[in-house]
Amino acid sequence: MSSFSPLVSICIPTYQRPDLLHQAITSCFAQTYSEIEIIVCDDSKDDASKQMVQGLNKSEKIRYYQNRPALGQAGNVNRLFDLAQGDRLVLLHDDDLLLPNAVQSMSDCWIDHPNLVACFGKQSVINMAGEVLQMPSQNLNDGYYRTDQYAGLQPSALWSALVAQFPNDGYMILTEVAKTIRYRDTADVEDVCDYDFSLRIAAAHTPFFFLNQYTAMYRLTERAVSTGNNHSNLVYQLIEALDLPENLEGVRQELLERYASSAINRWLTISDKASAYRVYTSSSYPWSKRLSLRGLTQAILLACPNLLNRLLIDQLKGKQLTPFKA
């Protein structure tokens, strides 16, 4: 451990979740690393989170800001970046938690690698009660290449961001880099602005470091489950548009094939048949998938008028049909 401990800003964007925010802040208070500041930017419609923060025993350690009007996801995070005074910052979503060793362990990575841009560890998956879900945790880390064989400096920051090894939150990053890159708030990004942010960091800066230990807890909320595939079309477009070196083209194609089906479904849901058809007939969606039951269903939906499309999609989702509702 270094004798010099630079200030680390823990940045928490929040919206209408005072109980979960309380748990997130408590996990910050439990850090073994003492030189921290906690910044909360609140987009909530009411004062519940504000009152909760003011009622905490250590409220003087928190810099709380209420956004009026609300800034939205990207704007809220950007305000946190602008307010951060530490040399490095940690972004923590209001429903997630840091393990007590998180800030110290990630900070220590800069001792041996002073040119680091960002560092991140493994995530445990927890339910709403805060209980660790062992199998989902293992699947999450295995699926995003957070395992022994990938520990340490990443040979390619772009690869790390592209395959989502770099997480949506719980990472530590140079504050100046975060302030420079910033979140984008555009129609082609929307709710995948976390992923977009990591891709643009990786395109501009290296290196990344994967710390092979648990540093954060990712909470599986009802909203996370219900919206998991709602933005696959946006992820597909981001991956498709990336300027990548030749050695990562195979990774791009693999990811496009992985996201193609759910992206097509999303475009069909929002009546963007042109985009759905383009991907359906692309090399990212081979004939073996087009001739599957799902692929044939998508072909029927592509051929149907939009109104009938919506009815069929609702029926497939098990929703009650409301044909006369606008």
C-alpha atoms as a PDB file:
ATOM      1  CA  MET A   1       0.000   0.000   0.000  1.00  0.00           C
ATOM      2  CA  SER A   2       1.289   3.426  -0.907  1.00  0.00           C
ATOM      3  CA  SER A   3       1.990   5.968   1.845  1.00  0.00           C
ATOM      4  CA  PHE A   4       0.250   8.518  -0.362  1.00  0.00           C
ATOM      5  CA  SER A   5      -3.476   7.963  -0.727  1.00  0.00           C
ATOM      6  CA  PRO A   6      -5.026  10.286  -3.311  1.00  0.00           C
ATOM      7  CA  LEU A   7      -8.646  11.295  -2.965  1.00  0.00           C
ATOM      8  CA  VAL A   8     -11.143   9.002  -4.692  1.00  0.00           C
ATOM      9  CA  SER A   9     -14.625  10.284  -5.549  1.00  0.00           C
ATOM     10  CA  ILE A  10     -17.456   7.748  -5.303  1.00  0.00           C
ATOM     11  CA  CYS A  11     -20.180   9.037  -7.618  1.00  0.00           C
ATOM     12  CA  ILE A  12     -23.757   7.800  -7.165  1.00  0.00           C
ATOM     13  CA  PRO A  13     -26.534   8.809  -9.582  1.00  0.00           C
ATOM     14  CA  THR A  14     -29.969   8.116  -8.110  1.00  0.00           C
ATOM     15  CA  TYR A  15     -33.641   8.211  -9.018  1.00  0.00           C
ATOM     16  CA  GLN A  16     -36.611   7.370  -6.763  1.00  0.00           C
ATOM     17  CA  ARG A  17     -34.874   4.620  -4.744  1.00  0.00           C
ATOM     18  CA  PRO A  18     -34.051   5.999  -1.278  1.00  0.00           C
ATOM     19  CA  ASP A  19     -33.920   2.570   0.384  1.00  0.00           C
ATOM     20  CA  LEU A  20     -31.466   1.154  -2.140  1.00  0.00           C
ATOM     21  CA  LEU A  21     -29.496   4.410  -2.147  1.00  0.00           C
ATOM     22  CA  HIS A  22     -29.127   4.073   1.623  1.00  0.00           C
ATOM     23  CA  GLN A  23     -27.546   0.639   1.139  1.00  0.00           C
ATOM     24  CA  ALA A  24     -25.228   1.929  -1.577  1.00  0.00           C
ATOM     25  CA  ILE A  25     -24.035   4.786   0.650  1.00  0.00           C
ATOM     26  CA  THR A  26     -23.576   2.414   3.596  1.00  0.00           C
ATOM     27  CA  SER A  27     -21.272   0.291   1.433  1.00  0.00           C
ATOM     28  CA  CYS A  28     -19.220   3.440   0.757  1.00  0.00           C
ATOM     29  CA  PHE A  29     -18.950   4.223   4.478  1.00  0.00           C
ATOM     30  CA  ALA A  30     -17.576   0.694   4.983  1.00  0.00           C
ATOM     31  CA  GLN A  31     -14.575   1.235   2.686  1.00  0.00           C
ATOM     32  CA  THR A  32     -11.169   0.423   4.165  1.00  0.00           C
ATOM     33  CA  TYR A  33      -9.715   3.241   2.054  1.00  0.00           C
ATOM     34  CA  SER A  34     -10.192   6.451   4.032  1.00  0.00           C
ATOM     35  CA  GLU A  35      -9.537   9.181   1.451  1.00  0.00           C
ATOM     36  CA  ILE A  36     -12.913   9.185  -0.245  1.00  0.00           C
ATOM     37  CA  GLU A  37     -15.672  11.639  -0.983  1.00  0.00           C
ATOM     38  CA  ILE A  38     -19.227  10.489  -1.702  1.00  0.00           C
ATOM     39  CA  ILE A  39     -21.197  12.503  -4.242  1.00  0.00           C
ATOM     40  CA  VAL A  40     -24.896  11.875  -4.838  1.00  0.00           C
ATOM     41  CA  CYS A  41     -26.804  13.503  -7.693  1.00  0.00           C
ATOM     42  CA  ASP A  42     -30.537  12.976  -7.417  1.00  0.00           C
ATOM     43  CA  ASP A  43     -33.033  13.065 -10.285  1.00  0.00           C
ATOM     44  CA  SER A  44     -35.955  12.055  -8.045  1.00  0.00           C
ATOM     45  CA  LYS A  45     -39.323  13.781  -8.257  1.00  0.00           C
ATOM     46  CA  ASP A  46     -39.665  13.994  -4.470  1.00  0.00           C
ATOM     47  CA  ASP A  47     -37.475  14.713  -1.426  1.00  0.00           C
ATOM     48  CA  ALA A  48     -37.361  11.180   0.018  1.00  0.00           C
ATOM     49  CA  SER A  49     -33.726  10.558  -0.953  1.00  0.00           C
ATOM     50  CA  LYS A  50     -32.695  14.043   0.155  1.00  0.00           C
ATOM     51  CA  GLN A  51     -34.262  13.539   3.580  1.00  0.00           C
ATOM     52  CA  MET A  52     -32.665  10.112   3.902  1.00  0.00           C
ATOM     53  CA  VAL A  53     -29.187  11.507   3.175  1.00  0.00           C
ATOM     54  CA  GLN A  54     -29.657  14.407   5.586  1.00  0.00           C
ATOM     55  CA  GLY A  55     -30.670  11.962   8.303  1.00  0.00           C
ATOM     56  CA  LEU A  56     -27.522   9.843   8.073  1.00  0.00           C
ATOM     57  CA  ASN A  57     -25.030   9.989  10.944  1.00  0.00           C
ATOM     58  CA  LYS A  58     -22.178  10.743   8.554  1.00  0.00           C
ATOM     59  CA  SER A  59     -24.109  13.066   6.265  1.00  0.00           C
ATOM     60  CA  GLU A  60     -21.264  15.604   6.383  1.00  0.00           C
ATOM     61  CA  LYS A  61     -19.144  13.140   4.380  1.00  0.00           C
ATOM     62  CA  ILE A  62     -21.650  13.259   1.514  1.00  0.00           C
ATOM     63  CA  ARG A  63     -22.020  15.964  -1.086  1.00  0.00           C
ATOM     64  CA  TYR A  64     -25.657  15.781  -2.127  1.00  0.00           C
ATOM     65  CA  TYR A  65     -27.150  17.581  -5.139  1.00  0.00           C
ATOM     66  CA  GLN A  66     -30.786  17.613  -6.182  1.00  0.00           C
ATOM     67  CA  ASN A  67     -31.363  18.128  -9.896  1.00  0.00           C
ATOM     68  CA  ARG A  68     -34.179  20.529 -10.740  1.00  0.00           C
ATOM     69  CA  PRO A  69     -35.193  19.832 -13.417  1.00  0.00           C
ATOM     70  CA  ALA A  70     -34.076  16.214 -13.714  1.00  0.00           C
ATOM     71  CA  LEU A  71     -31.070  15.720 -15.978  1.00  0.00           C
ATOM     72  CA  GLY A  72     -31.716  12.177 -17.181  1.00  0.00           C
ATOM     73  CA  GLN A  73     -29.290   9.273 -16.924  1.00  0.00           C
ATOM     74  CA  ALA A  74     -26.452  10.710 -19.014  1.00  0.00           C
ATOM     75  CA  GLY A  75     -26.801  14.251 -17.697  1.00  0.00           C
ATOM     76  CA  ASN A  76     -26.874  13.058 -14.106  1.00  0.00           C
ATOM     77  CA  VAL A  77     -23.679  11.049 -14.505  1.00  0.00           C
ATOM     78  CA  ASN A  78     -21.949  13.913 -16.300  1.00  0.00           C
ATOM     79  CA  ARG A  79     -22.810  16.248 -13.432  1.00  0.00           C
ATOM     80  CA  LEU A  80     -21.215  13.772 -11.032  1.00  0.00           C
ATOM     81  CA  PHE A  81     -18.071  13.678 -13.168  1.00  0.00           C
ATOM     82  CA  ASP A  82     -17.915  17.480 -13.180  1.00  0.00           C
ATOM     83  CA  LEU A  83     -18.319  17.631  -9.388  1.00  0.00           C
ATOM     84  CA  ALA A  84     -15.692  14.979  -8.627  1.00  0.00           C
ATOM     85  CA  GLN A  85     -12.600  16.394  -6.911  1.00  0.00           C
ATOM     86  CA  GLY A  86     -10.612  13.176  -6.600  1.00  0.00           C
ATOM     87  CA  ASP A  87      -7.776  12.132  -8.893  1.00  0.00           C
ATOM     88  CA  ARG A  88      -9.819   9.011  -9.633  1.00  0.00           C
ATOM     89  CA  LEU A  89     -13.494   8.217  -9.333  1.00  0.00           C
ATOM     90  CA  VAL A  90     -15.735   5.199  -8.891  1.00  0.00           C
ATOM     91  CA  LEU A  91     -19.177   5.206 -10.501  1.00  0.00           C
ATOM     92  CA  LEU A  92     -21.718   3.307  -8.393  1.00  0.00           C
ATOM     93  CA  HIS A  93     -25.339   2.836  -9.429  1.00  0.00           C
ATOM     94  CA  ASP A  94     -27.801   3.474  -6.620  1.00  0.00           C
ATOM     95  CA  ASP A  95     -28.988  -0.151  -6.525  1.00  0.00           C
ATOM     96  CA  ASP A  96     -25.499  -1.679  -6.393  1.00  0.00           C
ATOM     97  CA  LEU A  97     -22.912  -2.049  -3.622  1.00  0.00           C
ATOM     98  CA  LEU A  98     -19.157  -1.854  -3.149  1.00  0.00           C
ATOM     99  CA  LEU A  99     -17.368  -4.480  -1.098  1.00  0.00           C
ATOM    100  CA  PRO A 100     -15.301  -2.997   1.771  1.00  0.00           C
ATOM    101  CA  ASN A 101     -11.994  -3.640  -0.025  1.00  0.00           C
ATOM    102  CA  ALA A 102     -13.072  -2.217  -3.377  1.00  0.00           C
ATOM    103  CA  VAL A 103     -11.550   1.272  -3.374  1.00  0.00           C
ATOM    104  CA  GLN A 104      -8.335   0.173  -1.650  1.00  0.00           C
ATOM    105  CA  SER A 105      -7.771  -2.829  -3.910  1.00  0.00           C
ATOM    106  CA  MET A 106      -8.427  -0.947  -7.126  1.00  0.00           C
ATOM    107  CA  SER A 107      -6.317   2.021  -5.978  1.00  0.00           C
ATOM    108  CA  ASP A 108      -3.390  -0.311  -5.278  1.00  0.00           C
ATOM    109  CA  CYS A 109      -3.332  -1.322  -8.943  1.00  0.00           C
ATOM    110  CA  TRP A 110      -1.972   2.146  -9.769  1.00  0.00           C
ATOM    111  CA  ILE A 111       1.108   1.496  -7.597  1.00  0.00           C
ATOM    112  CA  ASP A 112       2.521  -1.103  -9.987  1.00  0.00           C
ATOM    113  CA  HIS A 113       0.862   0.397 -13.066  1.00  0.00           C
ATOM    114  CA  PRO A 114       0.946   4.195 -12.715  1.00  0.00           C
ATOM    115  CA  ASN A 115      -0.210   4.729 -16.311  1.00  0.00           C
ATOM    116  CA  LEU A 116      -3.513   2.934 -15.807  1.00  0.00           C
ATOM    117  CA  VAL A 117      -6.674   4.579 -17.093  1.00  0.00           C
ATOM    118  CA  ALA A 118      -9.240   2.278 -15.498  1.00  0.00           C
ATOM    119  CA  CYS A 119      -9.497  -0.719 -13.188  1.00  0.00           C
ATOM    120  CA  PHE A 120     -12.358  -3.071 -12.338  1.00  0.00           C
ATOM    121  CA  GLY A 121     -12.952  -6.324 -10.473  1.00  0.00           C
ATOM    122  CA  LYS A 122     -15.492  -9.122 -10.350  1.00  0.00           C
ATOM    123  CA  GLN A 123     -19.152  -8.625  -9.462  1.00  0.00           C
ATOM    124  CA  SER A 124     -21.405 -10.720  -7.256  1.00  0.00           C
ATOM    125  CA  VAL A 125     -25.051 -10.882  -8.301  1.00  0.00           C
ATOM    126  CA  ILE A 126     -27.462 -10.182  -5.457  1.00  0.00           C
ATOM    127  CA  ASN A 127     -31.247 -10.207  -5.198  1.00  0.00           C
ATOM    128  CA  MET A 128     -33.444  -7.465  -3.777  1.00  0.00           C
ATOM    129  CA  ALA A 129     -32.826  -8.810  -0.269  1.00  0.00           C
ATOM    130  CA  GLY A 130     -29.060  -8.452  -0.745  1.00  0.00           C
ATOM    131  CA  GLU A 131     -28.439 -12.206  -0.862  1.00  0.00           C
ATOM    132  CA  VAL A 132     -25.597 -13.377  -3.097  1.00  0.00           C
ATOM    133  CA  LEU A 133     -26.748 -15.637  -5.934  1.00  0.00           C
ATOM    134  CA  GLN A 134     -23.826 -17.996  -6.460  1.00  0.00           C
ATOM    135  CA  MET A 135     -24.600 -19.482  -9.871  1.00  0.00           C
ATOM    136  CA  PRO A 136     -25.689 -16.185 -11.500  1.00  0.00           C
ATOM    137  CA  SER A 137     -22.528 -14.585 -10.069  1.00  0.00           C
ATOM    138  CA  GLN A 138     -20.319 -17.240 -11.621  1.00  0.00           C
ATOM    139  CA  ASN A 139     -22.182 -17.061 -14.921  1.00  0.00           C
ATOM    140  CA  LEU A 140     -21.882 -13.264 -14.997  1.00  0.00           C
ATOM    141  CA  ASN A 141     -18.130 -13.236 -14.467  1.00  0.00           C
ATOM    142  CA  ASP A 142     -17.476 -16.199 -16.746  1.00  0.00           C
ATOM    143  CA  GLY A 143     -19.636 -14.687 -19.476  1.00  0.00           C
ATOM    144  CA  TYR A 144     -17.828 -11.347 -19.339  1.00  0.00           C
ATOM    145  CA  TYR A 145     -14.293 -12.764 -19.192  1.00  0.00           C
ATOM    146  CA  ARG A 146     -13.679 -11.841 -15.559  1.00  0.00           C
ATOM    147  CA  THR A 147     -11.777 -15.018 -14.713  1.00  0.00           C
ATOM    148  CA  ASP A 148      -8.257 -16.093 -13.712  1.00  0.00           C
ATOM    149  CA  GLN A 149      -6.899 -16.334 -17.237  1.00  0.00           C
ATOM    150  CA  TYR A 150      -7.793 -12.712 -18.013  1.00  0.00           C
ATOM    151  CA  ALA A 151      -6.383 -11.163 -14.812  1.00  0.00           C
ATOM    152  CA  GLY A 152      -4.111  -8.134 -14.991  1.00  0.00           C
ATOM    153  CA  LEU A 153      -3.410  -5.595 -17.716  1.00  0.00           C
ATOM    154  CA  GLN A 154      -5.645  -6.097 -20.721  1.00  0.00           C
ATOM    155  CA  PRO A 155      -3.783  -6.419 -24.034  1.00  0.00           C
ATOM    156  CA  SER A 156      -6.614  -4.524 -25.727  1.00  0.00           C
ATOM    157  CA  ALA A 157      -8.823  -2.006 -23.960  1.00  0.00           C
ATOM    158  CA  LEU A 158     -11.116  -2.062 -26.999  1.00  0.00           C
ATOM    159  CA  TRP A 159     -11.610  -5.808 -26.646  1.00  0.00           C
ATOM    160  CA  SER A 160     -12.307  -5.373 -22.921  1.00  0.00           C
ATOM    161  CA  ALA A 161     -14.999  -2.779 -23.591  1.00  0.00           C
ATOM    162  CA  LEU A 162     -16.417  -4.526 -26.649  1.00  0.00           C
ATOM    163  CA  VAL A 163     -17.115  -7.826 -24.841  1.00  0.00           C
ATOM    164  CA  ALA A 164     -18.360  -5.897 -21.765  1.00  0.00           C
ATOM    165  CA  GLN A 165     -15.583  -7.149 -19.528  1.00  0.00           C
ATOM    166  CA  PHE A 166     -15.479  -3.508 -18.455  1.00  0.00           C
ATOM    167  CA  PRO A 167     -18.620  -3.229 -16.271  1.00  0.00           C
ATOM    168  CA  ASN A 168     -21.360  -0.598 -16.321  1.00  0.00           C
ATOM    169  CA  ASP A 169     -20.409   0.562 -12.825  1.00  0.00           C
ATOM    170  CA  GLY A 170     -18.165  -0.326  -9.902  1.00  0.00           C
ATOM    171  CA  TYR A 171     -15.021   0.532 -11.865  1.00  0.00           C
ATOM    172  CA  MET A 172     -12.334   3.080 -10.983  1.00  0.00           C
ATOM    173  CA  ILE A 173     -11.206   5.540 -13.645  1.00  0.00           C
ATOM    174  CA  LEU A 174      -9.052   8.633 -13.919  1.00  0.00           C
ATOM    175  CA  THR A 175     -11.354  11.557 -13.223  1.00  0.00           C
ATOM    176  CA  GLU A 176      -9.897  13.681 -15.998  1.00  0.00           C
ATOM    177  CA  VAL A 177     -10.604  10.944 -18.541  1.00  0.00           C
ATOM    178  CA  ALA A 178     -14.211  10.610 -17.349  1.00  0.00           C
ATOM    179  CA  LYS A 179     -14.699  14.369 -17.568  1.00  0.00           C
ATOM    180  CA  THR A 180     -13.254  14.450 -21.078  1.00  0.00           C
ATOM    181  CA  ILE A 181     -15.075  11.456 -22.583  1.00  0.00           C
ATOM    182  CA  ARG A 182     -18.395  12.002 -20.770  1.00  0.00           C
ATOM    183  CA  TYR A 183     -21.705  10.236 -21.350  1.00  0.00           C
ATOM    184  CA  ARG A 184     -23.639  10.860 -24.544  1.00  0.00           C
ATOM    185  CA  ASP A 185     -27.356  11.577 -24.455  1.00  0.00           C
ATOM    186  CA  THR A 186     -28.449  10.901 -28.016  1.00  0.00           C
ATOM    187  CA  ALA A 187     -31.138   8.770 -29.644  1.00  0.00           C
ATOM    188  CA  ASP A 188     -28.624   6.180 -30.858  1.00  0.00           C
ATOM    189  CA  VAL A 189     -27.381   5.624 -27.294  1.00  0.00           C
ATOM    190  CA  GLU A 190     -30.303   6.124 -24.878  1.00  0.00           C
ATOM    191  CA  ASP A 191     -30.164   3.537 -22.061  1.00  0.00           C
ATOM    192  CA  VAL A 192     -26.956   1.881 -23.283  1.00  0.00           C
ATOM    193  CA  CYS A 193     -24.938   5.010 -22.492  1.00  0.00           C
ATOM    194  CA  ASP A 194     -22.827   3.018 -19.979  1.00  0.00           C
ATOM    195  CA  TYR A 195     -21.669   0.640 -22.721  1.00  0.00           C
ATOM    196  CA  ASP A 196     -21.156   3.500 -25.157  1.00  0.00           C
ATOM    197  CA  PHE A 197     -19.033   5.308 -22.558  1.00  0.00           C
ATOM    198  CA  SER A 198     -16.754   2.298 -22.092  1.00  0.00           C
ATOM    199  CA  LEU A 199     -16.294   1.890 -25.849  1.00  0.00           C
ATOM    200  CA  ARG A 200     -15.301   5.523 -26.303  1.00  0.00           C
ATOM    201  CA  ILE A 201     -12.890   5.407 -23.355  1.00  0.00           C
ATOM    202  CA  ALA A 202     -11.232   2.332 -24.823  1.00  0.00           C
ATOM    203  CA  ALA A 203     -10.978   3.917 -28.263  1.00  0.00           C
ATOM    204  CA  ALA A 204      -9.171   6.941 -26.828  1.00  0.00           C
ATOM    205  CA  HIS A 205      -7.207   5.609 -23.856  1.00  0.00           C
ATOM    206  CA  THR A 206      -5.330   2.545 -22.600  1.00  0.00           C
ATOM    207  CA  PRO A 207      -4.676   0.499 -20.576  1.00  0.00           C
ATOM    208  CA  PHE A 208      -7.408  -1.241 -18.569  1.00  0.00           C
ATOM    209  CA  PHE A 209      -6.716  -3.553 -15.625  1.00  0.00           C
ATOM    210  CA  PHE A 210      -8.871  -6.483 -14.506  1.00  0.00           C
ATOM    211  CA  LEU A 211      -8.443  -7.175 -10.788  1.00  0.00           C
ATOM    212  CA  ASN A 212      -9.281 -10.822 -10.230  1.00  0.00           C
ATOM    213  CA  GLN A 213     -11.232 -10.412  -6.999  1.00  0.00           C
ATOM    214  CA  TYR A 214     -14.739  -9.417  -6.027  1.00  0.00           C
ATOM    215  CA  THR A 215     -15.105  -5.668  -5.609  1.00  0.00           C
ATOM    216  CA  ALA A 216     -18.797  -4.957  -6.245  1.00  0.00           C
ATOM    217  CA  MET A 217     -22.304  -6.369  -6.017  1.00  0.00           C
ATOM    218  CA  TYR A 218     -24.717  -6.052  -8.929  1.00  0.00           C
ATOM    219  CA  ARG A 219     -28.343  -6.093  -7.820  1.00  0.00           C
ATOM    220  CA  LEU A 220     -30.824  -7.980  -9.956  1.00  0.00           C
ATOM    221  CA  THR A 221     -33.817  -5.648  -9.765  1.00  0.00           C
ATOM    222  CA  GLU A 222     -37.188  -6.224 -11.401  1.00  0.00           C
ATOM    223  CA  ARG A 223     -36.454  -3.418 -13.846  1.00  0.00           C
ATOM    224  CA  ALA A 224     -33.125  -4.988 -14.824  1.00  0.00           C
ATOM    225  CA  VAL A 225     -34.866  -8.279 -15.591  1.00  0.00           C
ATOM    226  CA  SER A 226     -37.758  -6.726 -17.531  1.00  0.00           C
ATOM    227  CA  THR A 227     -35.598  -4.431 -19.697  1.00  0.00           C
ATOM    228  CA  GLY A 228     -32.652  -6.763 -20.255  1.00  0.00           C
ATOM    229  CA  ASN A 229     -33.176  -7.105 -24.022  1.00  0.00           C
ATOM    230  CA  ASN A 230     -35.089  -3.883 -24.676  1.00  0.00           C
ATOM    231  CA  HIS A 231     -32.043  -2.120 -26.102  1.00  0.00           C
ATOM    232  CA  SER A 232     -30.334  -4.904 -28.034  1.00  0.00           C
ATOM    233  CA  ASN A 233     -30.893  -2.914 -31.219  1.00  0.00           C
ATOM    234  CA  LEU A 234     -28.884  -0.007 -29.815  1.00  0.00           C
ATOM    235  CA  VAL A 235     -26.066  -2.312 -28.704  1.00  0.00           C
ATOM    236  CA  TYR A 236     -26.070  -3.893 -32.170  1.00  0.00           C
ATOM    237  CA  GLN A 237     -25.766  -0.480 -33.834  1.00  0.00           C
ATOM    238  CA  LEU A 238     -22.927   0.614 -31.547  1.00  0.00           C
ATOM    239  CA  ILE A 239     -20.948  -2.552 -32.251  1.00  0.00           C
ATOM    240  CA  GLU A 240     -21.659  -2.317 -35.975  1.00  0.00           C
ATOM    241  CA  ALA A 241     -20.451   1.296 -36.201  1.00  0.00           C
ATOM    242  CA  LEU A 242     -17.197   0.842 -34.267  1.00  0.00           C
ATOM    243  CA  ASP A 243     -13.892   1.547 -35.954  1.00  0.00           C
ATOM    244  CA  LEU A 244     -11.961  -1.593 -35.002  1.00  0.00           C
ATOM    245  CA  PRO A 245      -8.534  -2.986 -35.846  1.00  0.00           C
ATOM    246  CA  GLU A 246      -8.530  -6.046 -38.079  1.00  0.00           C
ATOM    247  CA  ASN A 247      -7.720  -8.420 -35.209  1.00  0.00           C
ATOM    248  CA  LEU A 248     -11.038  -7.569 -33.517  1.00  0.00           C
ATOM    249  CA  GLU A 249     -13.266  -8.043 -36.573  1.00  0.00           C
ATOM    250  CA  GLY A 250     -13.931 -11.650 -35.595  1.00  0.00           C
ATOM    251  CA  VAL A 251     -15.074 -10.513 -32.153  1.00  0.00           C
ATOM    252  CA  ARG A 252     -17.351  -7.924 -33.751  1.00  0.00           C
ATOM    253  CA  GLN A 253     -18.969 -10.554 -35.997  1.00  0.00           C
ATOM    254  CA  GLU A 254     -19.476 -12.945 -33.088  1.00  0.00           C
ATOM    255  CA  LEU A 255     -21.192 -10.221 -31.045  1.00  0.00           C
ATOM    256  CA  LEU A 256     -23.365  -9.092 -33.950  1.00  0.00           C
ATOM    257  CA  GLU A 257     -24.561 -12.676 -34.388  1.00  0.00           C
ATOM    258  CA  ARG A 258     -25.278 -12.884 -30.665  1.00  0.00           C
ATOM    259  CA  TYR A 259     -27.379  -9.715 -30.607  1.00  0.00           C
ATOM    260  CA  ALA A 260     -29.016  -9.991 -34.045  1.00  0.00           C
ATOM    261  CA  SER A 261     -32.158 -11.908 -33.078  1.00  0.00           C
ATOM    262  CA  SER A 262     -33.073  -9.770 -30.069  1.00  0.00           C
ATOM    263  CA  ALA A 263     -32.235  -6.618 -32.060  1.00  0.00           C
ATOM    264  CA  ILE A 264     -34.618  -7.727 -34.825  1.00  0.00           C
ATOM    265  CA  ASN A 265     -37.318  -8.362 -32.217  1.00  0.00           C
ATOM    266  CA  ARG A 266     -36.841  -4.900 -30.788  1.00  0.00           C
ATOM    267  CA  TRP A 267     -37.034  -3.208 -34.183  1.00  0.00           C
ATOM    268  CA  LEU A 268     -40.193  -5.165 -34.984  1.00  0.00           C
ATOM    269  CA  THR A 269     -41.683  -4.063 -31.667  1.00  0.00           C
ATOM    270  CA  ILE A 270     -41.095  -0.393 -32.474  1.00  0.00           C
ATOM    271  CA  SER A 271     -42.213  -0.863 -36.114  1.00  0.00           C
ATOM    272  CA  ASP A 272     -38.786  -0.186 -37.618  1.00  0.00           C
ATOM    273  CA  LYS A 273     -39.043  -2.866 -40.280  1.00  0.00           C
ATOM    274  CA  ALA A 274     -36.286  -1.421 -42.449  1.00  0.00           C
ATOM    275  CA  SER A 275     -33.679  -1.965 -39.726  1.00  0.00           C
ATOM    276  CA  ALA A 276     -35.126  -5.359 -38.815  1.00  0.00           C
ATOM    277  CA  TYR A 277     -35.053  -6.499 -42.450  1.00  0.00           C
ATOM    278  CA  ARG A 278     -31.506  -5.228 -42.978  1.00  0.00           C
ATOM    279  CA  VAL A 279     -30.175  -7.318 -40.098  1.00  0.00           C
ATOM    280  CA  TYR A 280     -32.450 -10.294 -40.860  1.00  0.00           C
ATOM    281  CA  THR A 281     -30.905 -10.567 -44.328  1.00  0.00           C
ATOM    282  CA  SER A 282     -27.333  -9.844 -43.203  1.00  0.00           C
ATOM    283  CA  SER A 283     -24.417 -12.183 -42.564  1.00  0.00           C
ATOM    284  CA  SER A 284     -25.020 -11.650 -38.845  1.00  0.00           C
ATOM    285  CA  TYR A 285     -28.203 -13.711 -39.151  1.00  0.00           C
ATOM    286  CA  PRO A 286     -27.343 -16.908 -41.067  1.00  0.00           C
ATOM    287  CA  TRP A 287     -29.895 -19.159 -42.743  1.00  0.00           C
ATOM    288  CA  SER A 288     -29.749 -21.641 -39.878  1.00  0.00           C
ATOM    289  CA  LYS A 289     -31.290 -18.962 -37.664  1.00  0.00           C
ATOM    290  CA  ARG A 290     -33.688 -17.619 -40.283  1.00  0.00           C
ATOM    291  CA  LEU A 291     -35.127 -21.124 -40.731  1.00  0.00           C
ATOM    292  CA  SER A 292     -35.543 -21.686 -36.995  1.00  0.00           C
ATOM    293  CA  LEU A 293     -38.980 -21.280 -35.411  1.00  0.00           C
ATOM    294  CA  ARG A 294     -37.982 -17.849 -34.147  1.00  0.00           C
ATOM    295  CA  GLY A 295     -36.560 -16.827 -37.499  1.00  0.00           C
ATOM    296  CA  LEU A 296     -39.660 -17.943 -39.386  1.00  0.00           C
ATOM    297  CA  THR A 297     -41.858 -16.059 -36.917  1.00  0.00           C
ATOM    298  CA  GLN A 298     -39.784 -12.947 -37.517  1.00  0.00           C
ATOM    299  CA  ALA A 299     -40.188 -13.413 -41.279  1.00  0.00           C
ATOM    300  CA  ILE A 300     -43.971 -13.501 -40.864  1.00  0.00           C
ATOM    301  CA  LEU A 301     -43.854 -10.350 -38.738  1.00  0.00           C
ATOM    302  CA  LEU A 302     -41.723  -8.614 -41.348  1.00  0.00           C
ATOM    303  CA  ALA A 303     -44.360  -9.407 -43.966  1.00  0.00           C
ATOM    304  CA  CYS A 304     -47.333  -8.267 -41.876  1.00  0.00           C
ATOM    305  CA  PRO A 305     -48.756  -4.728 -41.723  1.00  0.00           C
ATOM    306  CA  ASN A 306     -47.592  -2.811 -38.645  1.00  0.00           C
ATOM    307  CA  LEU A 307     -50.962  -2.937 -36.845  1.00  0.00           C
ATOM    308  CA  LEU A 308     -51.196  -6.710 -37.205  1.00  0.00           C
ATOM    309  CA  ASN A 309     -47.537  -6.848 -36.258  1.00  0.00           C
ATOM    310  CA  ARG A 310     -48.254  -5.221 -32.910  1.00  0.00           C
ATOM    311  CA  LEU A 311     -51.135  -7.588 -32.200  1.00  0.00           C
ATOM    312  CA  LEU A 312     -49.032 -10.653 -32.957  1.00  0.00           C
ATOM    313  CA  ILE A 313     -46.130  -9.392 -30.851  1.00  0.00           C
ATOM    314  CA  ASP A 314     -48.460  -8.677 -27.929  1.00  0.00           C
ATOM    315  CA  GLN A 315     -49.939 -12.142 -28.270  1.00  0.00           C
ATOM    316  CA  LEU A 316     -46.503 -13.743 -28.337  1.00  0.00           C
ATOM    317  CA  LYS A 317     -45.639 -11.834 -25.175  1.00  0.00           C
ATOM    318  CA  GLY A 318     -48.823 -13.043 -23.516  1.00  0.00           C
ATOM    319  CA  LYS A 319     -50.277  -9.560 -23.257  1.00  0.00           C
ATOM    320  CA  GLN A 320     -53.963  -8.750 -23.458  1.00  0.00           C
ATOM    321  CA  LEU A 321     -54.850  -7.527 -26.924  1.00  0.00           C
ATOM    322  CA  THR A 322     -56.138  -3.968 -27.149  1.00  0.00           C
ATOM    323  CA  PRO A 323     -56.582  -3.396 -30.901  1.00  0.00           C
ATOM    324  CA  PHE A 324     -58.439  -0.123 -30.532  1.00  0.00           C
ATOM    325  CA  LYS A 325     -55.894   1.512 -28.243  1.00  0.00           C
ATOM    326  CA  ALA A 326     -53.599   4.012 -29.913  1.00  0.00           C
END
